């Protein structure tokens, strides 16, 4: 699980289109796409999916960073595209 205020940050080192699917996950999450120190998009309440036709969530543009947070975080803190983030 991800505790309230917890997160997992993925730094891929370069910007590219990123696809995430929630194999073996037991809980929903929000996925935040980050590039150039800004939120460029997000997925709210991404659900676990182990089905053969799994759902893959793709970044809207090439990104270097992806932040996974507990489901509901985007709404709770009113994240929006263009918000500044402390990673570059």
PDB file of N, CA and C in Angstrom:
ATOM      1  N   UNK A   1       0.837  -1.192   0.000  1.00  0.00           N
ATOM      2  CA  UNK A   1       0.000   0.000   0.000  1.00  0.00           C
ATOM      3  C   UNK A   1       0.874   1.244   0.000  1.00  0.00           C
ATOM      4  N   UNK A   2       0.266   2.344  -0.306  1.00  0.00           N
ATOM      5  CA  UNK A   2       0.921   3.645  -0.199  1.00  0.00           C
ATOM      6  C   UNK A   2       0.222   4.408   0.917  1.00  0.00           C
ATOM      7  N   UNK A   3       0.968   4.770   1.909  1.00  0.00           N
ATOM      8  CA  UNK A   3       0.399   5.519   3.033  1.00  0.00           C
ATOM      9  C   UNK A   3       0.024   6.927   2.592  1.00  0.00           C
ATOM     10  N   UNK A   4      -0.916   7.536   3.306  1.00  0.00           N
ATOM     11  CA  UNK A   4      -1.267   8.938   3.064  1.00  0.00           C
ATOM     12  C   UNK A   4       0.016   9.760   3.077  1.00  0.00           C
ATOM     13  N   UNK A   5       0.240  10.552   2.045  1.00  0.00           N
ATOM     14  CA  UNK A   5       1.458  11.348   1.935  1.00  0.00           C
ATOM     15  C   UNK A   5       2.615  10.585   1.315  1.00  0.00           C
ATOM     16  N   UNK A   6       2.450   9.280   1.102  1.00  0.00           N
ATOM     17  CA  UNK A   6       3.496   8.466   0.491  1.00  0.00           C
ATOM     18  C   UNK A   6       3.420   8.522  -1.018  1.00  0.00           C
ATOM     19  N   UNK A   7       4.505   8.132  -1.678  1.00  0.00           N
ATOM     20  CA  UNK A   7       4.543   8.143  -3.132  1.00  0.00           C
ATOM     21  C   UNK A   7       5.698   7.288  -3.629  1.00  0.00           C
ATOM     22  N   UNK A   8       5.645   6.946  -4.908  1.00  0.00           N
ATOM     23  CA  UNK A   8       6.761   6.293  -5.589  1.00  0.00           C
ATOM     24  C   UNK A   8       7.090   7.150  -6.799  1.00  0.00           C
ATOM     25  N   UNK A   9       8.339   7.630  -6.858  1.00  0.00           N
ATOM     26  CA  UNK A   9       8.788   8.458  -7.972  1.00  0.00           C
ATOM     27  C   UNK A   9       9.697   7.638  -8.872  1.00  0.00           C
ATOM     28  N   UNK A  10       9.368   7.625 -10.162  1.00  0.00           N
ATOM     29  CA  UNK A  10      10.181   6.942 -11.151  1.00  0.00           C
ATOM     30  C   UNK A  10      10.904   7.993 -11.983  1.00  0.00           C
ATOM     31  N   UNK A  11      12.244   7.927 -12.011  1.00  0.00           N
ATOM     32  CA  UNK A  11      13.073   8.813 -12.822  1.00  0.00           C
ATOM     33  C   UNK A  11      13.701   7.959 -13.916  1.00  0.00           C
ATOM     34  N   UNK A  12      13.242   8.140 -15.141  1.00  0.00           N
ATOM     35  CA  UNK A  12      13.721   7.331 -16.246  1.00  0.00           C
ATOM     36  C   UNK A  12      14.972   7.902 -16.910  1.00  0.00           C
ATOM     37  N   UNK A  13      15.390   9.102 -16.502  1.00  0.00           N
ATOM     38  CA  UNK A  13      16.614   9.680 -17.025  1.00  0.00           C
ATOM     39  C   UNK A  13      16.466  10.441 -18.325  1.00  0.00           C
ATOM     40  N   UNK A  14      15.426  10.131 -19.086  1.00  0.00           N
ATOM     41  CA  UNK A  14      15.161  10.856 -20.328  1.00  0.00           C
ATOM     42  C   UNK A  14      13.655  10.887 -20.553  1.00  0.00           C
ATOM     43  N   UNK A  15      13.227  11.776 -21.414  1.00  0.00           N
ATOM     44  CA  UNK A  15      11.802  11.909 -21.703  1.00  0.00           C
ATOM     45  C   UNK A  15      11.402  10.971 -22.839  1.00  0.00           C
ATOM     46  N   UNK A  16      10.337  10.228 -22.622  1.00  0.00           N
ATOM     47  CA  UNK A  16       9.753   9.346 -23.634  1.00  0.00           C
ATOM     48  C   UNK A  16       8.298   9.104 -23.247  1.00  0.00           C
ATOM     49  N   UNK A  17       7.506   8.636 -24.193  1.00  0.00           N
ATOM     50  CA  UNK A  17       6.149   8.239 -23.833  1.00  0.00           C
ATOM     51  C   UNK A  17       6.248   7.064 -22.870  1.00  0.00           C
ATOM     52  N   UNK A  18       5.496   7.107 -21.789  1.00  0.00           N
ATOM     53  CA  UNK A  18       5.547   6.064 -20.763  1.00  0.00           C
ATOM     54  C   UNK A  18       4.185   5.389 -20.647  1.00  0.00           C
ATOM     55  N   UNK A  19       4.205   4.089 -20.504  1.00  0.00           N
ATOM     56  CA  UNK A  19       2.986   3.325 -20.292  1.00  0.00           C
ATOM     57  C   UNK A  19       3.088   2.529 -19.001  1.00  0.00           C
ATOM     58  N   UNK A  20       2.062   2.610 -18.176  1.00  0.00           N
ATOM     59  CA  UNK A  20       2.019   1.886 -16.906  1.00  0.00           C
ATOM     60  C   UNK A  20       0.765   1.023 -16.863  1.00  0.00           C
ATOM     61  N   UNK A  21       0.901  -0.182 -16.341  1.00  0.00           N
ATOM     62  CA  UNK A  21      -0.271  -0.995 -16.039  1.00  0.00           C
ATOM     63  C   UNK A  21      -0.104  -1.532 -14.645  1.00  0.00           C
ATOM     64  N   UNK A  22      -1.188  -1.869 -14.004  1.00  0.00           N
ATOM     65  CA  UNK A  22      -1.177  -2.159 -12.575  1.00  0.00           C
ATOM     66  C   UNK A  22      -1.233  -3.653 -12.286  1.00  0.00           C
ATOM     67  N   UNK A  23      -0.324  -4.402 -12.873  1.00  0.00           N
ATOM     68  CA  UNK A  23      -0.238  -5.836 -12.637  1.00  0.00           C
ATOM     69  C   UNK A  23       0.129  -6.099 -11.182  1.00  0.00           C
ATOM     70  N   UNK A  24      -0.547  -7.056 -10.591  1.00  0.00           N
ATOM     71  CA  UNK A  24      -0.302  -7.498  -9.214  1.00  0.00           C
ATOM     72  C   UNK A  24      -0.536  -6.411  -8.169  1.00  0.00           C
ATOM     73  N   UNK A  25      -1.157  -5.304  -8.559  1.00  0.00           N
ATOM     74  CA  UNK A  25      -1.502  -4.258  -7.591  1.00  0.00           C
ATOM     75  C   UNK A  25      -2.748  -4.703  -6.840  1.00  0.00           C
ATOM     76  N   UNK A  26      -2.867  -4.249  -5.607  1.00  0.00           N
ATOM     77  CA  UNK A  26      -4.018  -4.617  -4.788  1.00  0.00           C
ATOM     78  C   UNK A  26      -4.890  -3.413  -4.451  1.00  0.00           C
ATOM     79  N   UNK A  27      -4.527  -2.245  -4.964  1.00  0.00           N
ATOM     80  CA  UNK A  27      -5.250  -1.023  -4.621  1.00  0.00           C
ATOM     81  C   UNK A  27      -5.105  -0.031  -5.761  1.00  0.00           C
ATOM     82  N   UNK A  28      -6.064   0.889  -5.920  1.00  0.00           N
ATOM     83  CA  UNK A  28      -5.974   1.904  -6.971  1.00  0.00           C
ATOM     84  C   UNK A  28      -4.976   3.002  -6.600  1.00  0.00           C
ATOM     85  N   UNK A  29      -4.475   3.681  -7.626  1.00  0.00           N
ATOM     86  CA  UNK A  29      -3.536   4.786  -7.424  1.00  0.00           C
ATOM     87  C   UNK A  29      -3.866   5.918  -8.395  1.00  0.00           C
ATOM     88  N   UNK A  30      -3.290   7.078  -8.137  1.00  0.00           N
ATOM     89  CA  UNK A  30      -3.256   8.169  -9.102  1.00  0.00           C
ATOM     90  C   UNK A  30      -1.854   8.163  -9.710  1.00  0.00           C
ATOM     91  N   UNK A  31      -1.767   8.398 -10.998  1.00  0.00           N
ATOM     92  CA  UNK A  31      -0.488   8.455 -11.704  1.00  0.00           C
ATOM     93  C   UNK A  31      -0.311   9.882 -12.212  1.00  0.00           C
ATOM     94  N   UNK A  32       0.811  10.505 -11.863  1.00  0.00           N
ATOM     95  CA  UNK A  32       1.065  11.886 -12.264  1.00  0.00           C
ATOM     96  C   UNK A  32       2.266  11.903 -13.213  1.00  0.00           C
ATOM     97  N   UNK A  33       2.060  12.441 -14.413  1.00  0.00           N
ATOM     98  CA  UNK A  33       3.098  12.531 -15.440  1.00  0.00           C
ATOM     99  C   UNK A  33       3.800  13.879 -15.288  1.00  0.00           C
ATOM    100  N   UNK A  34       5.139  13.869 -15.225  1.00  0.00           N
ATOM    101  CA  UNK A  34       5.905  15.089 -14.963  1.00  0.00           C
ATOM    102  C   UNK A  34       7.015  15.255 -16.000  1.00  0.00           C
ATOM    103  N   UNK A  35       7.114  16.468 -16.542  1.00  0.00           N
ATOM    104  CA  UNK A  35       8.209  16.803 -17.461  1.00  0.00           C
ATOM    105  C   UNK A  35       8.545  18.273 -17.302  1.00  0.00           C
ATOM    106  N   UNK A  36       9.838  18.573 -17.307  1.00  0.00           N
ATOM    107  CA  UNK A  36      10.287  19.959 -17.219  1.00  0.00           C
ATOM    108  C   UNK A  36       9.859  20.657 -15.944  1.00  0.00           C
ATOM    109  N   UNK A  37       9.737  19.898 -14.861  1.00  0.00           N
ATOM    110  CA  UNK A  37       9.356  20.491 -13.586  1.00  0.00           C
ATOM    111  C   UNK A  37       7.880  20.860 -13.486  1.00  0.00           C
ATOM    112  N   UNK A  38       7.054  20.301 -14.388  1.00  0.00           N
ATOM    113  CA  UNK A  38       5.621  20.610 -14.414  1.00  0.00           C
ATOM    114  C   UNK A  38       4.788  19.343 -14.562  1.00  0.00           C
ATOM    115  N   UNK A  39       3.611  19.352 -13.958  1.00  0.00           N
ATOM    116  CA  UNK A  39       2.636  18.291 -14.191  1.00  0.00           C
ATOM    117  C   UNK A  39       2.111  18.470 -15.618  1.00  0.00           C
ATOM    118  N   UNK A  40       2.218  17.409 -16.421  1.00  0.00           N
ATOM    119  CA  UNK A  40       1.729  17.493 -17.796  1.00  0.00           C
ATOM    120  C   UNK A  40       0.487  16.628 -17.996  1.00  0.00           C
ATOM    121  N   UNK A  41       0.071  15.923 -16.963  1.00  0.00           N
ATOM    122  CA  UNK A  41      -1.136  15.111 -17.027  1.00  0.00           C
ATOM    123  C   UNK A  41      -1.184  14.155 -15.856  1.00  0.00           C
ATOM    124  N   UNK A  42      -2.319  13.490 -15.710  1.00  0.00           N
ATOM    125  CA  UNK A  42      -2.465  12.518 -14.635  1.00  0.00           C
ATOM    126  C   UNK A  42      -3.618  11.576 -14.937  1.00  0.00           C
ATOM    127  N   UNK A  43      -3.622  10.454 -14.227  1.00  0.00           N
ATOM    128  CA  UNK A  43      -4.707   9.482 -14.259  1.00  0.00           C
ATOM    129  C   UNK A  43      -5.192   9.356 -12.828  1.00  0.00           C
ATOM    130  N   UNK A  44      -6.482   9.528 -12.619  1.00  0.00           N
ATOM    131  CA  UNK A  44      -7.040   9.393 -11.281  1.00  0.00           C
ATOM    132  C   UNK A  44      -7.670   8.018 -11.108  1.00  0.00           C
ATOM    133  N   UNK A  45      -7.467   7.449  -9.921  1.00  0.00           N
ATOM    134  CA  UNK A  45      -8.082   6.181  -9.534  1.00  0.00           C
ATOM    135  C   UNK A  45      -7.838   5.058 -10.548  1.00  0.00           C
ATOM    136  N   UNK A  46      -6.596   4.926 -10.982  1.00  0.00           N
ATOM    137  CA  UNK A  46      -6.223   3.821 -11.868  1.00  0.00           C
ATOM    138  C   UNK A  46      -6.405   2.523 -11.079  1.00  0.00           C
ATOM    139  N   UNK A  47      -7.190   1.610 -11.636  1.00  0.00           N
ATOM    140  CA  UNK A  47      -7.550   0.393 -10.924  1.00  0.00           C
ATOM    141  C   UNK A  47      -6.598  -0.752 -11.236  1.00  0.00           C
ATOM    142  N   UNK A  48      -6.368  -1.624 -10.259  1.00  0.00           N
ATOM    143  CA  UNK A  48      -5.572  -2.823 -10.514  1.00  0.00           C
ATOM    144  C   UNK A  48      -6.170  -3.617 -11.668  1.00  0.00           C
ATOM    145  N   UNK A  49      -5.306  -4.261 -12.459  1.00  0.00           N
ATOM    146  CA  UNK A  49      -5.794  -4.983 -13.633  1.00  0.00           C
ATOM    147  C   UNK A  49      -4.832  -6.102 -13.995  1.00  0.00           C
ATOM    148  N   UNK A  50      -5.236  -7.332 -13.728  1.00  0.00           N
ATOM    149  CA  UNK A  50      -4.439  -8.496 -14.096  1.00  0.00           C
ATOM    150  C   UNK A  50      -5.054  -9.255 -15.268  1.00  0.00           C
ATOM    151  N   UNK A  51      -6.024  -8.637 -15.927  1.00  0.00           N
ATOM    152  CA  UNK A  51      -6.705  -9.316 -17.031  1.00  0.00           C
ATOM    153  C   UNK A  51      -5.773  -9.435 -18.244  1.00  0.00           C
ATOM    154  N   UNK A  52      -6.020 -10.421 -19.097  1.00  0.00           N
ATOM    155  CA  UNK A  52      -5.195 -10.555 -20.309  1.00  0.00           C
ATOM    156  C   UNK A  52      -5.252  -9.313 -21.205  1.00  0.00           C
ATOM    157  N   UNK A  53      -6.373  -8.618 -21.209  1.00  0.00           N
ATOM    158  CA  UNK A  53      -6.522  -7.401 -22.019  1.00  0.00           C
ATOM    159  C   UNK A  53      -6.291  -6.177 -21.144  1.00  0.00           C
ATOM    160  N   UNK A  54      -5.229  -6.207 -20.377  1.00  0.00           N
ATOM    161  CA  UNK A  54      -4.939  -5.181 -19.366  1.00  0.00           C
ATOM    162  C   UNK A  54      -5.032  -3.753 -19.900  1.00  0.00           C
ATOM    163  N   UNK A  55      -5.409  -2.863 -18.988  1.00  0.00           N
ATOM    164  CA  UNK A  55      -5.439  -1.444 -19.289  1.00  0.00           C
ATOM    165  C   UNK A  55      -4.041  -0.871 -19.085  1.00  0.00           C
ATOM    166  N   UNK A  56      -3.540  -0.164 -20.079  1.00  0.00           N
ATOM    167  CA  UNK A  56      -2.245   0.510 -19.972  1.00  0.00           C
ATOM    168  C   UNK A  56      -2.525   2.004 -19.989  1.00  0.00           C
ATOM    169  N   UNK A  57      -1.970   2.717 -19.013  1.00  0.00           N
ATOM    170  CA  UNK A  57      -2.136   4.165 -18.912  1.00  0.00           C
ATOM    171  C   UNK A  57      -0.887   4.826 -19.489  1.00  0.00           C
ATOM    172  N   UNK A  58      -1.075   5.670 -20.514  1.00  0.00           N
ATOM    173  CA  UNK A  58       0.051   6.299 -21.196  1.00  0.00           C
ATOM    174  C   UNK A  58       0.149   7.784 -20.858  1.00  0.00           C
ATOM    175  N   UNK A  59       1.382   8.266 -20.777  1.00  0.00           N
ATOM    176  CA  UNK A  59       1.598   9.700 -20.596  1.00  0.00           C
ATOM    177  C   UNK A  59       1.095  10.423 -21.840  1.00  0.00           C
ATOM    178  N   UNK A  60       0.566  11.645 -21.674  1.00  0.00           N
ATOM    179  CA  UNK A  60       0.040  12.379 -22.829  1.00  0.00           C
ATOM    180  C   UNK A  60       1.131  12.935 -23.743  1.00  0.00           C
ATOM    181  N   UNK A  61       2.335  13.078 -23.196  1.00  0.00           N
ATOM    182  CA  UNK A  61       3.503  13.567 -23.924  1.00  0.00           C
ATOM    183  C   UNK A  61       4.718  12.836 -23.361  1.00  0.00           C
ATOM    184  N   UNK A  62       5.860  12.911 -24.017  1.00  0.00           N
ATOM    185  CA  UNK A  62       7.062  12.310 -23.441  1.00  0.00           C
ATOM    186  C   UNK A  62       7.374  12.920 -22.068  1.00  0.00           C
ATOM    187  N   UNK A  63       7.677  12.055 -21.094  1.00  0.00           N
ATOM    188  CA  UNK A  63       7.995  12.496 -19.731  1.00  0.00           C
ATOM    189  C   UNK A  63       9.216  11.756 -19.212  1.00  0.00           C
ATOM    190  N   UNK A  64       9.927  12.420 -18.317  1.00  0.00           N
ATOM    191  CA  UNK A  64      11.059  11.789 -17.637  1.00  0.00           C
ATOM    192  C   UNK A  64      10.621  11.177 -16.308  1.00  0.00           C
ATOM    193  N   UNK A  65       9.675  11.836 -15.628  1.00  0.00           N
ATOM    194  CA  UNK A  65       9.263  11.421 -14.292  1.00  0.00           C
ATOM    195  C   UNK A  65       7.812  10.962 -14.260  1.00  0.00           C
ATOM    196  N   UNK A  66       7.561   9.951 -13.440  1.00  0.00           N
ATOM    197  CA  UNK A  66       6.200   9.490 -13.170  1.00  0.00           C
ATOM    198  C   UNK A  66       6.077   9.323 -11.660  1.00  0.00           C
ATOM    199  N   UNK A  67       5.026   9.892 -11.102  1.00  0.00           N
ATOM    200  CA  UNK A  67       4.781   9.828  -9.659  1.00  0.00           C
ATOM    201  C   UNK A  67       3.508   9.042  -9.401  1.00  0.00           C
ATOM    202  N   UNK A  68       3.614   7.974  -8.621  1.00  0.00           N
ATOM    203  CA  UNK A  68       2.449   7.209  -8.194  1.00  0.00           C
ATOM    204  C   UNK A  68       2.114   7.608  -6.765  1.00  0.00           C
ATOM    205  N   UNK A  69       0.846   7.947  -6.535  1.00  0.00           N
ATOM    206  CA  UNK A  69       0.376   8.389  -5.223  1.00  0.00           C
ATOM    207  C   UNK A  69      -0.927   7.666  -4.897  1.00  0.00           C
ATOM    208  N   UNK A  70      -1.337   7.661  -3.627  1.00  0.00           N
ATOM    209  CA  UNK A  70      -2.595   7.009  -3.285  1.00  0.00           C
ATOM    210  C   UNK A  70      -3.765   7.590  -4.081  1.00  0.00           C
ATOM    211  N   UNK A  71      -4.707   6.725  -4.455  1.00  0.00           N
ATOM    212  CA  UNK A  71      -5.897   7.177  -5.182  1.00  0.00           C
ATOM    213  C   UNK A  71      -6.575   8.295  -4.403  1.00  0.00           C
ATOM    214  N   UNK A  72      -7.003   9.312  -5.119  1.00  0.00           N
ATOM    215  CA  UNK A  72      -7.675  10.446  -4.506  1.00  0.00           C
ATOM    216  C   UNK A  72      -6.768  11.623  -4.216  1.00  0.00           C
ATOM    217  N   UNK A  73      -5.454  11.439  -4.343  1.00  0.00           N
ATOM    218  CA  UNK A  73      -4.495  12.507  -4.041  1.00  0.00           C
ATOM    219  C   UNK A  73      -4.633  13.681  -5.010  1.00  0.00           C
ATOM    220  N   UNK A  74      -4.792  13.390  -6.304  1.00  0.00           N
ATOM    221  CA  UNK A  74      -4.920  14.457  -7.306  1.00  0.00           C
ATOM    222  C   UNK A  74      -6.115  15.344  -6.964  1.00  0.00           C
ATOM    223  N   UNK A  75      -7.236  14.717  -6.643  1.00  0.00           N
ATOM    224  CA  UNK A  75      -8.444  15.480  -6.308  1.00  0.00           C
ATOM    225  C   UNK A  75      -8.286  16.213  -4.979  1.00  0.00           C
ATOM    226  N   UNK A  76      -7.741  15.518  -3.983  1.00  0.00           N
ATOM    227  CA  UNK A  76      -7.597  16.104  -2.640  1.00  0.00           C
ATOM    228  C   UNK A  76      -6.775  17.388  -2.666  1.00  0.00           C
ATOM    229  N   UNK A  77      -5.697  17.385  -3.452  1.00  0.00           N
ATOM    230  CA  UNK A  77      -4.794  18.538  -3.484  1.00  0.00           C
ATOM    231  C   UNK A  77      -4.989  19.409  -4.728  1.00  0.00           C
ATOM    232  N   UNK A  78      -6.030  19.132  -5.489  1.00  0.00           N
ATOM    233  CA  UNK A  78      -6.379  19.935  -6.666  1.00  0.00           C
ATOM    234  C   UNK A  78      -5.221  20.098  -7.654  1.00  0.00           C
ATOM    235  N   UNK A  79      -4.509  19.003  -7.940  1.00  0.00           N
ATOM    236  CA  UNK A  79      -3.452  19.065  -8.944  1.00  0.00           C
ATOM    237  C   UNK A  79      -4.049  19.461 -10.281  1.00  0.00           C
ATOM    238  N   UNK A  80      -3.283  20.175 -11.076  1.00  0.00           N
ATOM    239  CA  UNK A  80      -3.721  20.580 -12.405  1.00  0.00           C
ATOM    240  C   UNK A  80      -2.524  20.580 -13.341  1.00  0.00           C
ATOM    241  N   UNK A  81      -2.800  20.405 -14.618  1.00  0.00           N
ATOM    242  CA  UNK A  81      -1.736  20.502 -15.618  1.00  0.00           C
ATOM    243  C   UNK A  81      -1.050  21.851 -15.507  1.00  0.00           C
ATOM    244  N   UNK A  82       0.272  21.847 -15.549  1.00  0.00           N
ATOM    245  CA  UNK A  82       1.050  23.076 -15.444  1.00  0.00           C
ATOM    246  C   UNK A  82       1.545  23.365 -14.047  1.00  0.00           C
ATOM    247  N   UNK A  83       1.026  22.641 -13.043  1.00  0.00           N
ATOM    248  CA  UNK A  83       1.521  22.835 -11.673  1.00  0.00           C
ATOM    249  C   UNK A  83       3.017  22.544 -11.603  1.00  0.00           C
ATOM    250  N   UNK A  84       3.752  23.342 -10.835  1.00  0.00           N
ATOM    251  CA  UNK A  84       5.171  23.121 -10.652  1.00  0.00           C
ATOM    252  C   UNK A  84       5.439  21.952  -9.713  1.00  0.00           C
ATOM    253  N   UNK A  85       6.525  21.227 -10.004  1.00  0.00           N
ATOM    254  CA  UNK A  85       6.939  20.080  -9.202  1.00  0.00           C
ATOM    255  C   UNK A  85       8.431  20.200  -8.964  1.00  0.00           C
ATOM    256  N   UNK A  86       8.894  19.808  -7.787  1.00  0.00           N
ATOM    257  CA  UNK A  86      10.296  19.971  -7.422  1.00  0.00           C
ATOM    258  C   UNK A  86      11.245  18.934  -7.999  1.00  0.00           C
ATOM    259  N   UNK A  87      11.054  18.527  -9.266  1.00  0.00           N
ATOM    260  CA  UNK A  87      11.999  17.647  -9.971  1.00  0.00           C
ATOM    261  C   UNK A  87      12.232  18.238 -11.346  1.00  0.00           C
ATOM    262  N   UNK A  88      13.391  18.032 -11.893  1.00  0.00           N
ATOM    263  CA  UNK A  88      13.705  18.549 -13.232  1.00  0.00           C
ATOM    264  C   UNK A  88      14.410  17.480 -13.994  1.00  0.00           C
TER     265      UNK A  88
END
